[in-house]
């Protein structure tokens, strides 16, 4: 749990400010740690139960120009299918890619100008491919799905293209699954860090195809370790995640409020209808 009071880190011996570390019960004692100093936890072992993780799912990821999904332009996207095939799109967004974004995903203005597809054409193909996944009844796996879903929704509207019918989709978001099964997790929740915890390979972080593949493997790994997650039918799991996400974000909002940071979080999942605060 987050440390309510300041203390001395049980690992490095340095002071930990209140609410900026965690307090762990080791034996009969409560010990304070910096997040990065806390003892490493191991994921529970995989079980032998059956569930949706035994069925085909499709991974989805995009890389964009902005953190705000309603402003972001898609520069790359990928769908990774259960048979191992991948559909990828490199898109010239028609606007300059900020240097901060290029540092994250490695896609530059020169790259999209020379080899990127026109946005309207590529986005239409991407939306058609996703709509087919939904129509075929296969779950779509996306890590931190609101960004990918909302960015694509905004881009399609921006280019006058038909919207994906997200109401018919069964989406599995491993970031929510992790928050549900590890409610006292105070380490990093980035894709790479969770992949290490669940023993999932992430070959090239922030490459859309690599991230989509890792998201699928991460979701499957969580389900294999937690039978109550695996046993939910994908449509029931989708509905459950709506509530889990809202609960997790309310807790995050309460943390921001205690710190007086002024930050606000959205409770909407998977499609955000308002700009992020």
C-alpha atoms as a PDB file:
ATOM      1  CA  UNK A   1       0.000   0.000   0.000  1.00  0.00           C
ATOM      2  CA  UNK A   2       1.078   3.621  -0.476  1.00  0.00           C
ATOM      3  CA  UNK A   3       2.932   4.893   2.580  1.00  0.00           C
ATOM      4  CA  UNK A   4       0.645   7.248   4.501  1.00  0.00           C
ATOM      5  CA  UNK A   5       3.511   8.597   6.581  1.00  0.00           C
ATOM      6  CA  UNK A   6       7.150   9.447   5.768  1.00  0.00           C
ATOM      7  CA  UNK A   7       9.810   6.931   6.696  1.00  0.00           C
ATOM      8  CA  UNK A   8      13.239   5.523   5.981  1.00  0.00           C
ATOM      9  CA  UNK A   9      13.556   3.171   3.007  1.00  0.00           C
ATOM     10  CA  UNK A  10      14.163  -0.389   4.163  1.00  0.00           C
ATOM     11  CA  UNK A  11      16.470  -0.926   1.187  1.00  0.00           C
ATOM     12  CA  UNK A  12      18.545   2.209   0.484  1.00  0.00           C
ATOM     13  CA  UNK A  13      18.211   3.906   3.878  1.00  0.00           C
ATOM     14  CA  UNK A  14      17.097   7.219   2.397  1.00  0.00           C
ATOM     15  CA  UNK A  15      14.018   9.171   3.438  1.00  0.00           C
ATOM     16  CA  UNK A  16      10.727   8.354   1.724  1.00  0.00           C
ATOM     17  CA  UNK A  17       8.199  11.186   1.641  1.00  0.00           C
ATOM     18  CA  UNK A  18       4.594  10.462   2.588  1.00  0.00           C
ATOM     19  CA  UNK A  19       2.557   8.948  -0.256  1.00  0.00           C
ATOM     20  CA  UNK A  20       5.585   8.776  -2.565  1.00  0.00           C
ATOM     21  CA  UNK A  21       6.566   5.211  -1.715  1.00  0.00           C
ATOM     22  CA  UNK A  22       4.959   2.090  -0.346  1.00  0.00           C
ATOM     23  CA  UNK A  23       4.591   0.328   2.966  1.00  0.00           C
ATOM     24  CA  UNK A  24       4.876  -3.452   2.924  1.00  0.00           C
ATOM     25  CA  UNK A  25       4.162  -5.861   5.747  1.00  0.00           C
ATOM     26  CA  UNK A  26       7.211  -8.098   6.071  1.00  0.00           C
ATOM     27  CA  UNK A  27       6.480 -10.692   8.718  1.00  0.00           C
ATOM     28  CA  UNK A  28       4.969  -8.733  11.605  1.00  0.00           C
ATOM     29  CA  UNK A  29       6.554  -5.386  10.695  1.00  0.00           C
ATOM     30  CA  UNK A  30       5.534  -2.615   8.295  1.00  0.00           C
ATOM     31  CA  UNK A  31       8.528  -1.408   6.269  1.00  0.00           C
ATOM     32  CA  UNK A  32       8.643   1.666   4.037  1.00  0.00           C
ATOM     33  CA  UNK A  33      10.305   1.576   0.610  1.00  0.00           C
ATOM     34  CA  UNK A  34      10.792   3.777  -2.417  1.00  0.00           C
ATOM     35  CA  UNK A  35       8.819   2.213  -5.255  1.00  0.00           C
ATOM     36  CA  UNK A  36      12.030   1.313  -7.093  1.00  0.00           C
ATOM     37  CA  UNK A  37      13.563  -0.182  -3.918  1.00  0.00           C
ATOM     38  CA  UNK A  38      10.690  -2.461  -2.951  1.00  0.00           C
ATOM     39  CA  UNK A  39      11.378  -6.211  -3.025  1.00  0.00           C
ATOM     40  CA  UNK A  40      10.760  -7.792  -6.410  1.00  0.00           C
ATOM     41  CA  UNK A  41       7.538  -9.757  -6.618  1.00  0.00           C
ATOM     42  CA  UNK A  42       7.022 -12.865  -8.705  1.00  0.00           C
ATOM     43  CA  UNK A  43       3.843 -13.491 -10.653  1.00  0.00           C
ATOM     44  CA  UNK A  44       1.827 -16.488  -9.459  1.00  0.00           C
ATOM     45  CA  UNK A  45       2.333 -19.684 -11.470  1.00  0.00           C
ATOM     46  CA  UNK A  46       0.099 -20.530 -14.413  1.00  0.00           C
ATOM     47  CA  UNK A  47      -2.745 -22.940 -13.756  1.00  0.00           C
ATOM     48  CA  UNK A  48      -4.243 -25.715 -15.831  1.00  0.00           C
ATOM     49  CA  UNK A  49      -7.710 -24.157 -16.160  1.00  0.00           C
ATOM     50  CA  UNK A  50      -9.332 -23.476 -19.507  1.00  0.00           C
ATOM     51  CA  UNK A  51     -10.846 -20.195 -20.636  1.00  0.00           C
ATOM     52  CA  UNK A  52     -10.890 -17.493 -23.278  1.00  0.00           C
ATOM     53  CA  UNK A  53      -7.087 -17.475 -23.288  1.00  0.00           C
ATOM     54  CA  UNK A  54      -7.257 -20.776 -25.174  1.00  0.00           C
ATOM     55  CA  UNK A  55      -9.223 -19.140 -28.014  1.00  0.00           C
ATOM     56  CA  UNK A  56      -8.044 -16.903 -30.893  1.00  0.00           C
ATOM     57  CA  UNK A  57      -7.678 -13.186 -30.106  1.00  0.00           C
ATOM     58  CA  UNK A  58      -6.270 -10.288 -32.146  1.00  0.00           C
ATOM     59  CA  UNK A  59      -3.741  -7.753 -30.880  1.00  0.00           C
ATOM     60  CA  UNK A  60      -4.134  -4.068 -31.738  1.00  0.00           C
ATOM     61  CA  UNK A  61      -1.764  -1.152 -31.229  1.00  0.00           C
ATOM     62  CA  UNK A  62      -1.135   2.288 -32.651  1.00  0.00           C
ATOM     63  CA  UNK A  63       1.620   4.874 -32.322  1.00  0.00           C
ATOM     64  CA  UNK A  64       0.630   8.522 -32.568  1.00  0.00           C
ATOM     65  CA  UNK A  65       1.793  12.105 -32.502  1.00  0.00           C
ATOM     66  CA  UNK A  66       0.242  13.307 -29.218  1.00  0.00           C
ATOM     67  CA  UNK A  67      -0.618  12.090 -25.713  1.00  0.00           C
ATOM     68  CA  UNK A  68      -4.155  13.488 -26.007  1.00  0.00           C
ATOM     69  CA  UNK A  69      -5.994  10.891 -28.137  1.00  0.00           C
ATOM     70  CA  UNK A  70      -8.457  13.380 -29.590  1.00  0.00           C
ATOM     71  CA  UNK A  71      -5.543  15.418 -30.990  1.00  0.00           C
ATOM     72  CA  UNK A  72      -3.230  12.566 -31.901  1.00  0.00           C
ATOM     73  CA  UNK A  73      -2.604  11.547 -35.499  1.00  0.00           C
ATOM     74  CA  UNK A  74      -1.789   7.922 -36.179  1.00  0.00           C
ATOM     75  CA  UNK A  75       1.657   7.292 -37.661  1.00  0.00           C
ATOM     76  CA  UNK A  76       1.686   3.500 -37.360  1.00  0.00           C
ATOM     77  CA  UNK A  77      -0.757   0.742 -36.505  1.00  0.00           C
ATOM     78  CA  UNK A  78      -0.771  -3.028 -36.382  1.00  0.00           C
ATOM     79  CA  UNK A  79      -3.098  -5.977 -35.981  1.00  0.00           C
ATOM     80  CA  UNK A  80      -1.530  -9.260 -34.904  1.00  0.00           C
ATOM     81  CA  UNK A  81      -3.651 -12.351 -35.578  1.00  0.00           C
ATOM     82  CA  UNK A  82      -3.796 -15.665 -33.748  1.00  0.00           C
ATOM     83  CA  UNK A  83      -2.071 -17.495 -36.610  1.00  0.00           C
ATOM     84  CA  UNK A  84       0.956 -15.217 -36.270  1.00  0.00           C
ATOM     85  CA  UNK A  85       0.251 -13.042 -39.307  1.00  0.00           C
ATOM     86  CA  UNK A  86       0.450  -9.280 -38.941  1.00  0.00           C
ATOM     87  CA  UNK A  87      -1.145  -6.376 -40.787  1.00  0.00           C
ATOM     88  CA  UNK A  88       0.801  -3.142 -40.387  1.00  0.00           C
ATOM     89  CA  UNK A  89       0.312   0.418 -41.553  1.00  0.00           C
ATOM     90  CA  UNK A  90       2.863   3.232 -41.711  1.00  0.00           C
ATOM     91  CA  UNK A  91       0.983   6.489 -42.189  1.00  0.00           C
ATOM     92  CA  UNK A  92       1.995  10.001 -43.196  1.00  0.00           C
ATOM     93  CA  UNK A  93      -0.271  11.932 -40.796  1.00  0.00           C
ATOM     94  CA  UNK A  94      -0.141  15.129 -42.843  1.00  0.00           C
ATOM     95  CA  UNK A  95       1.154  17.122 -39.853  1.00  0.00           C
ATOM     96  CA  UNK A  96       4.649  17.331 -38.355  1.00  0.00           C
ATOM     97  CA  UNK A  97       5.508  14.586 -35.874  1.00  0.00           C
ATOM     98  CA  UNK A  98       6.727  16.204 -32.633  1.00  0.00           C
ATOM     99  CA  UNK A  99      10.295  15.298 -31.725  1.00  0.00           C
ATOM    100  CA  UNK A 100       9.154  13.958 -28.334  1.00  0.00           C
ATOM    101  CA  UNK A 101       6.873  11.471 -30.082  1.00  0.00           C
ATOM    102  CA  UNK A 102       9.611  10.429 -32.516  1.00  0.00           C
ATOM    103  CA  UNK A 103      11.938   9.745 -29.591  1.00  0.00           C
ATOM    104  CA  UNK A 104       9.386   7.280 -28.222  1.00  0.00           C
ATOM    105  CA  UNK A 105       8.411   5.308 -31.326  1.00  0.00           C
ATOM    106  CA  UNK A 106      11.330   6.117 -33.620  1.00  0.00           C
ATOM    107  CA  UNK A 107       9.161   7.244 -36.544  1.00  0.00           C
ATOM    108  CA  UNK A 108      10.361  10.522 -38.055  1.00  0.00           C
ATOM    109  CA  UNK A 109       8.890  13.035 -40.464  1.00  0.00           C
ATOM    110  CA  UNK A 110      11.406  11.897 -43.091  1.00  0.00           C
ATOM    111  CA  UNK A 111      10.272   8.276 -42.712  1.00  0.00           C
ATOM    112  CA  UNK A 112       6.571   8.970 -43.187  1.00  0.00           C
ATOM    113  CA  UNK A 113       7.205  11.379 -46.048  1.00  0.00           C
ATOM    114  CA  UNK A 114       9.203   8.759 -47.946  1.00  0.00           C
ATOM    115  CA  UNK A 115       7.303   5.546 -47.153  1.00  0.00           C
ATOM    116  CA  UNK A 116       4.118   6.488 -45.276  1.00  0.00           C
ATOM    117  CA  UNK A 117       0.652   5.874 -46.700  1.00  0.00           C
ATOM    118  CA  UNK A 118      -1.900   8.669 -47.222  1.00  0.00           C
ATOM    119  CA  UNK A 119      -3.919   8.838 -43.983  1.00  0.00           C
ATOM    120  CA  UNK A 120      -7.433   8.538 -45.379  1.00  0.00           C
ATOM    121  CA  UNK A 121      -6.550   5.477 -47.441  1.00  0.00           C
ATOM    122  CA  UNK A 122      -4.642   3.706 -44.653  1.00  0.00           C
ATOM    123  CA  UNK A 123      -7.164   4.552 -41.932  1.00  0.00           C
ATOM    124  CA  UNK A 124     -10.016   3.195 -44.053  1.00  0.00           C
ATOM    125  CA  UNK A 125      -8.135  -0.102 -44.408  1.00  0.00           C
ATOM    126  CA  UNK A 126      -7.383  -0.246 -40.683  1.00  0.00           C
ATOM    127  CA  UNK A 127     -10.994   0.440 -39.728  1.00  0.00           C
ATOM    128  CA  UNK A 128     -12.239  -2.198 -42.179  1.00  0.00           C
ATOM    129  CA  UNK A 129      -9.838  -4.776 -40.760  1.00  0.00           C
ATOM    130  CA  UNK A 130     -10.894  -4.026 -37.177  1.00  0.00           C
ATOM    131  CA  UNK A 131     -14.569  -4.110 -38.117  1.00  0.00           C
ATOM    132  CA  UNK A 132     -14.040  -7.579 -39.611  1.00  0.00           C
ATOM    133  CA  UNK A 133     -12.418  -8.778 -36.365  1.00  0.00           C
ATOM    134  CA  UNK A 134     -15.449  -7.498 -34.468  1.00  0.00           C
ATOM    135  CA  UNK A 135     -17.918  -9.020 -36.937  1.00  0.00           C
ATOM    136  CA  UNK A 136     -16.110 -12.369 -36.675  1.00  0.00           C
ATOM    137  CA  UNK A 137     -16.652 -12.276 -32.915  1.00  0.00           C
ATOM    138  CA  UNK A 138     -12.961 -12.336 -32.008  1.00  0.00           C
ATOM    139  CA  UNK A 139     -11.784 -10.329 -28.988  1.00  0.00           C
ATOM    140  CA  UNK A 140      -9.486  -7.382 -29.667  1.00  0.00           C
ATOM    141  CA  UNK A 141      -6.598  -7.008 -27.223  1.00  0.00           C
ATOM    142  CA  UNK A 142      -5.137  -3.545 -26.644  1.00  0.00           C
ATOM    143  CA  UNK A 143      -2.907  -2.359 -23.810  1.00  0.00           C
ATOM    144  CA  UNK A 144      -4.335   0.878 -22.341  1.00  0.00           C
ATOM    145  CA  UNK A 145      -7.133   0.572 -24.894  1.00  0.00           C
ATOM    146  CA  UNK A 146      -8.703   4.054 -24.468  1.00  0.00           C
ATOM    147  CA  UNK A 147      -5.764   5.677 -26.219  1.00  0.00           C
ATOM    148  CA  UNK A 148      -5.869   3.365 -29.252  1.00  0.00           C
ATOM    149  CA  UNK A 149      -9.660   3.272 -29.509  1.00  0.00           C
ATOM    150  CA  UNK A 150     -10.214   7.008 -28.991  1.00  0.00           C
ATOM    151  CA  UNK A 151      -7.376   8.035 -31.301  1.00  0.00           C
ATOM    152  CA  UNK A 152      -8.676   5.839 -34.123  1.00  0.00           C
ATOM    153  CA  UNK A 153     -12.247   7.019 -33.524  1.00  0.00           C
ATOM    154  CA  UNK A 154     -11.100  10.649 -33.711  1.00  0.00           C
ATOM    155  CA  UNK A 155      -8.991  10.059 -36.808  1.00  0.00           C
ATOM    156  CA  UNK A 156     -11.836   8.396 -38.697  1.00  0.00           C
ATOM    157  CA  UNK A 157     -14.129  11.321 -37.895  1.00  0.00           C
ATOM    158  CA  UNK A 158     -11.400  13.788 -38.884  1.00  0.00           C
ATOM    159  CA  UNK A 159     -11.113  12.201 -42.340  1.00  0.00           C
ATOM    160  CA  UNK A 160     -14.853  11.717 -42.870  1.00  0.00           C
ATOM    161  CA  UNK A 161     -14.663   7.922 -42.646  1.00  0.00           C
ATOM    162  CA  UNK A 162     -17.278   5.591 -41.106  1.00  0.00           C
ATOM    163  CA  UNK A 163     -16.782   4.893 -37.417  1.00  0.00           C
ATOM    164  CA  UNK A 164     -15.959   1.467 -36.033  1.00  0.00           C
ATOM    165  CA  UNK A 165     -18.921   0.064 -34.105  1.00  0.00           C
ATOM    166  CA  UNK A 166     -17.134  -0.182 -30.768  1.00  0.00           C
ATOM    167  CA  UNK A 167     -20.393  -1.113 -29.015  1.00  0.00           C
ATOM    168  CA  UNK A 168     -20.181  -4.525 -30.697  1.00  0.00           C
ATOM    169  CA  UNK A 169     -16.536  -5.107 -29.804  1.00  0.00           C
ATOM    170  CA  UNK A 170     -15.189  -7.380 -27.092  1.00  0.00           C
ATOM    171  CA  UNK A 171     -11.999  -5.667 -25.963  1.00  0.00           C
ATOM    172  CA  UNK A 172      -9.479  -7.116 -23.533  1.00  0.00           C
ATOM    173  CA  UNK A 173      -7.136  -4.613 -21.888  1.00  0.00           C
ATOM    174  CA  UNK A 174      -4.305  -6.300 -19.963  1.00  0.00           C
ATOM    175  CA  UNK A 175      -3.532  -3.086 -18.082  1.00  0.00           C
ATOM    176  CA  UNK A 176      -7.001  -3.339 -16.470  1.00  0.00           C
ATOM    177  CA  UNK A 177      -6.673  -7.074 -15.868  1.00  0.00           C
ATOM    178  CA  UNK A 178      -3.422  -6.471 -14.028  1.00  0.00           C
ATOM    179  CA  UNK A 179      -4.987  -3.731 -11.916  1.00  0.00           C
ATOM    180  CA  UNK A 180      -7.808  -6.085 -10.969  1.00  0.00           C
ATOM    181  CA  UNK A 181      -5.617  -9.028  -9.949  1.00  0.00           C
ATOM    182  CA  UNK A 182      -2.882  -6.875  -8.367  1.00  0.00           C
ATOM    183  CA  UNK A 183      -4.799  -4.075  -6.589  1.00  0.00           C
ATOM    184  CA  UNK A 184      -1.824  -3.305  -4.319  1.00  0.00           C
ATOM    185  CA  UNK A 185       0.644  -2.862  -7.178  1.00  0.00           C
ATOM    186  CA  UNK A 186       2.679   0.334  -6.819  1.00  0.00           C
ATOM    187  CA  UNK A 187       5.489  -0.306  -9.296  1.00  0.00           C
ATOM    188  CA  UNK A 188       5.525   0.832 -12.906  1.00  0.00           C
ATOM    189  CA  UNK A 189       2.540  -0.216 -14.984  1.00  0.00           C
ATOM    190  CA  UNK A 190       4.247   0.311 -18.348  1.00  0.00           C
ATOM    191  CA  UNK A 191       3.925  -2.482 -20.889  1.00  0.00           C
ATOM    192  CA  UNK A 192       7.585  -3.480 -20.660  1.00  0.00           C
ATOM    193  CA  UNK A 193       7.565  -3.679 -16.868  1.00  0.00           C
ATOM    194  CA  UNK A 194       4.415  -5.811 -16.763  1.00  0.00           C
ATOM    195  CA  UNK A 195       5.821  -8.063 -19.469  1.00  0.00           C
ATOM    196  CA  UNK A 196       8.850  -8.749 -17.289  1.00  0.00           C
ATOM    197  CA  UNK A 197       6.630  -9.554 -14.303  1.00  0.00           C
ATOM    198  CA  UNK A 198       4.437 -11.959 -16.284  1.00  0.00           C
ATOM    199  CA  UNK A 199       7.389 -13.449 -18.197  1.00  0.00           C
ATOM    200  CA  UNK A 200       6.276 -12.145 -21.581  1.00  0.00           C
ATOM    201  CA  UNK A 201       8.697 -11.190 -24.345  1.00  0.00           C
ATOM    202  CA  UNK A 202       8.573  -7.630 -25.693  1.00  0.00           C
ATOM    203  CA  UNK A 203      11.030  -7.529 -28.566  1.00  0.00           C
ATOM    204  CA  UNK A 204      10.840  -3.884 -29.656  1.00  0.00           C
ATOM    205  CA  UNK A 205       8.927  -1.529 -27.367  1.00  0.00           C
ATOM    206  CA  UNK A 206       6.806   1.134 -29.108  1.00  0.00           C
ATOM    207  CA  UNK A 207       6.813  -0.731 -32.397  1.00  0.00           C
ATOM    208  CA  UNK A 208       3.100  -1.199 -33.089  1.00  0.00           C
ATOM    209  CA  UNK A 209       3.343  -4.861 -34.142  1.00  0.00           C
ATOM    210  CA  UNK A 210       5.654  -5.756 -31.263  1.00  0.00           C
ATOM    211  CA  UNK A 211       3.454  -3.993 -28.707  1.00  0.00           C
ATOM    212  CA  UNK A 212       0.293  -5.618 -30.105  1.00  0.00           C
ATOM    213  CA  UNK A 213       1.865  -9.070 -29.898  1.00  0.00           C
ATOM    214  CA  UNK A 214       3.105  -8.439 -26.355  1.00  0.00           C
ATOM    215  CA  UNK A 215      -0.349  -7.180 -25.316  1.00  0.00           C
ATOM    216  CA  UNK A 216      -1.904 -10.474 -26.439  1.00  0.00           C
ATOM    217  CA  UNK A 217       0.738 -12.541 -24.666  1.00  0.00           C
ATOM    218  CA  UNK A 218       0.345 -10.425 -21.529  1.00  0.00           C
ATOM    219  CA  UNK A 219      -3.448 -10.816 -21.459  1.00  0.00           C
ATOM    220  CA  UNK A 220      -3.123 -14.574 -21.997  1.00  0.00           C
ATOM    221  CA  UNK A 221      -0.457 -14.825 -19.287  1.00  0.00           C
ATOM    222  CA  UNK A 222      -2.665 -13.024 -16.763  1.00  0.00           C
ATOM    223  CA  UNK A 223      -5.650 -15.235 -17.588  1.00  0.00           C
ATOM    224  CA  UNK A 224      -3.487 -18.360 -17.304  1.00  0.00           C
ATOM    225  CA  UNK A 225      -2.533 -17.289 -13.773  1.00  0.00           C
ATOM    226  CA  UNK A 226      -5.983 -16.153 -12.619  1.00  0.00           C
ATOM    227  CA  UNK A 227      -8.847 -18.553 -13.249  1.00  0.00           C
ATOM    228  CA  UNK A 228     -11.582 -16.057 -12.363  1.00  0.00           C
ATOM    229  CA  UNK A 229     -10.352 -13.837 -15.233  1.00  0.00           C
ATOM    230  CA  UNK A 230     -10.019 -16.714 -17.681  1.00  0.00           C
ATOM    231  CA  UNK A 231     -13.463 -18.154 -16.948  1.00  0.00           C
ATOM    232  CA  UNK A 232     -15.320 -14.980 -17.969  1.00  0.00           C
ATOM    233  CA  UNK A 233     -16.737 -15.060 -21.483  1.00  0.00           C
ATOM    234  CA  UNK A 234     -15.179 -12.261 -23.581  1.00  0.00           C
ATOM    235  CA  UNK A 235     -18.394 -10.212 -23.655  1.00  0.00           C
ATOM    236  CA  UNK A 236     -18.792 -10.540 -19.881  1.00  0.00           C
ATOM    237  CA  UNK A 237     -15.103  -9.691 -19.436  1.00  0.00           C
ATOM    238  CA  UNK A 238     -15.574  -6.567 -21.563  1.00  0.00           C
ATOM    239  CA  UNK A 239     -18.438  -5.420 -19.359  1.00  0.00           C
ATOM    240  CA  UNK A 240     -16.511  -6.236 -16.183  1.00  0.00           C
ATOM    241  CA  UNK A 241     -13.572  -4.137 -17.352  1.00  0.00           C
ATOM    242  CA  UNK A 242     -15.788  -1.068 -17.650  1.00  0.00           C
ATOM    243  CA  UNK A 243     -16.408  -1.227 -13.906  1.00  0.00           C
ATOM    244  CA  UNK A 244     -12.861  -2.270 -12.989  1.00  0.00           C
ATOM    245  CA  UNK A 245     -11.411   0.603 -14.996  1.00  0.00           C
ATOM    246  CA  UNK A 246     -13.686   3.163 -13.370  1.00  0.00           C
ATOM    247  CA  UNK A 247     -12.785   1.855  -9.909  1.00  0.00           C
ATOM    248  CA  UNK A 248      -9.052   1.933 -10.657  1.00  0.00           C
ATOM    249  CA  UNK A 249      -9.249   5.459 -12.036  1.00  0.00           C
ATOM    250  CA  UNK A 250     -11.287   6.718  -9.060  1.00  0.00           C
ATOM    251  CA  UNK A 251      -8.503   5.470  -6.804  1.00  0.00           C
ATOM    252  CA  UNK A 252      -5.932   7.234  -8.991  1.00  0.00           C
ATOM    253  CA  UNK A 253      -8.005  10.426  -8.912  1.00  0.00           C
ATOM    254  CA  UNK A 254      -8.166  10.265  -5.113  1.00  0.00           C
ATOM    255  CA  UNK A 255      -4.369   9.987  -5.051  1.00  0.00           C
ATOM    256  CA  UNK A 256      -4.008  13.036  -7.309  1.00  0.00           C
ATOM    257  CA  UNK A 257      -6.475  14.950  -5.148  1.00  0.00           C
ATOM    258  CA  UNK A 258      -4.550  14.139  -1.965  1.00  0.00           C
ATOM    259  CA  UNK A 259      -1.376  15.441  -3.572  1.00  0.00           C
ATOM    260  CA  UNK A 260      -3.140  18.557  -4.869  1.00  0.00           C
ATOM    261  CA  UNK A 261      -1.719  18.002  -8.352  1.00  0.00           C
ATOM    262  CA  UNK A 262      -4.816  19.264 -10.172  1.00  0.00           C
ATOM    263  CA  UNK A 263      -4.722  16.307 -12.557  1.00  0.00           C
ATOM    264  CA  UNK A 264      -7.991  14.697 -13.605  1.00  0.00           C
ATOM    265  CA  UNK A 265      -8.589  11.270 -15.093  1.00  0.00           C
ATOM    266  CA  UNK A 266     -11.311   9.893 -17.322  1.00  0.00           C
ATOM    267  CA  UNK A 267     -13.510   7.038 -16.121  1.00  0.00           C
ATOM    268  CA  UNK A 268     -14.612   6.139 -19.663  1.00  0.00           C
ATOM    269  CA  UNK A 269     -13.500   2.863 -21.221  1.00  0.00           C
ATOM    270  CA  UNK A 270     -12.784   1.937 -23.932  1.00  0.00           C
ATOM    271  CA  UNK A 271     -13.935   5.008 -25.882  1.00  0.00           C
ATOM    272  CA  UNK A 272     -13.392   8.432 -24.340  1.00  0.00           C
ATOM    273  CA  UNK A 273     -15.893  11.110 -25.320  1.00  0.00           C
ATOM    274  CA  UNK A 274     -14.206  14.033 -23.578  1.00  0.00           C
ATOM    275  CA  UNK A 275     -10.711  15.429 -23.721  1.00  0.00           C
ATOM    276  CA  UNK A 276      -8.358  14.370 -20.950  1.00  0.00           C
ATOM    277  CA  UNK A 277      -7.848  16.858 -18.114  1.00  0.00           C
END
